[in-house]
């Protein structure tokens, strides 16, 4: 069941029917972490994640998604607020609501990766890995690129 929250003239919703894939893909295809990502890949990511759309007057202005089992693990990805709406605390608000989502209260491990928004996430409780030696990764930057 979709959830919706409001703050002033802004709305955050998990209703997939409200998401504007053109806005989401338009941003992600030009941002530093997914340059050139194909639209069909973004559509698959959105469909297979718990996605949150941020809206102003019915127009999508932001987005975030969780890759999650809805029980113990969640990875926060693709968080953005369009430039003209930044500086209003909307990314922080969106992230805080994701952490407070009623269906995610048993999640014990939240992860994210960021190059430039550490302050936003620190304000809602994220910090460096306490035991980075336990974590391993395989990184395949832009596997969609030729």
Foldseek 3Di string as FASTA:
>chain_A
DKDWDDDDQKIKIQPPVLDDLCVLCVVQCVDDQRPNPDSVVVVVVSVQWSKMFMDGPSHTFWIWTWNDPLAAETEIDSTDGHPVPPPPLPSLVVVLVVCVPPSNVRHDYYHYDDDPPVVSVVVNPDDDDPCVVVDDDDDDGNPVDD
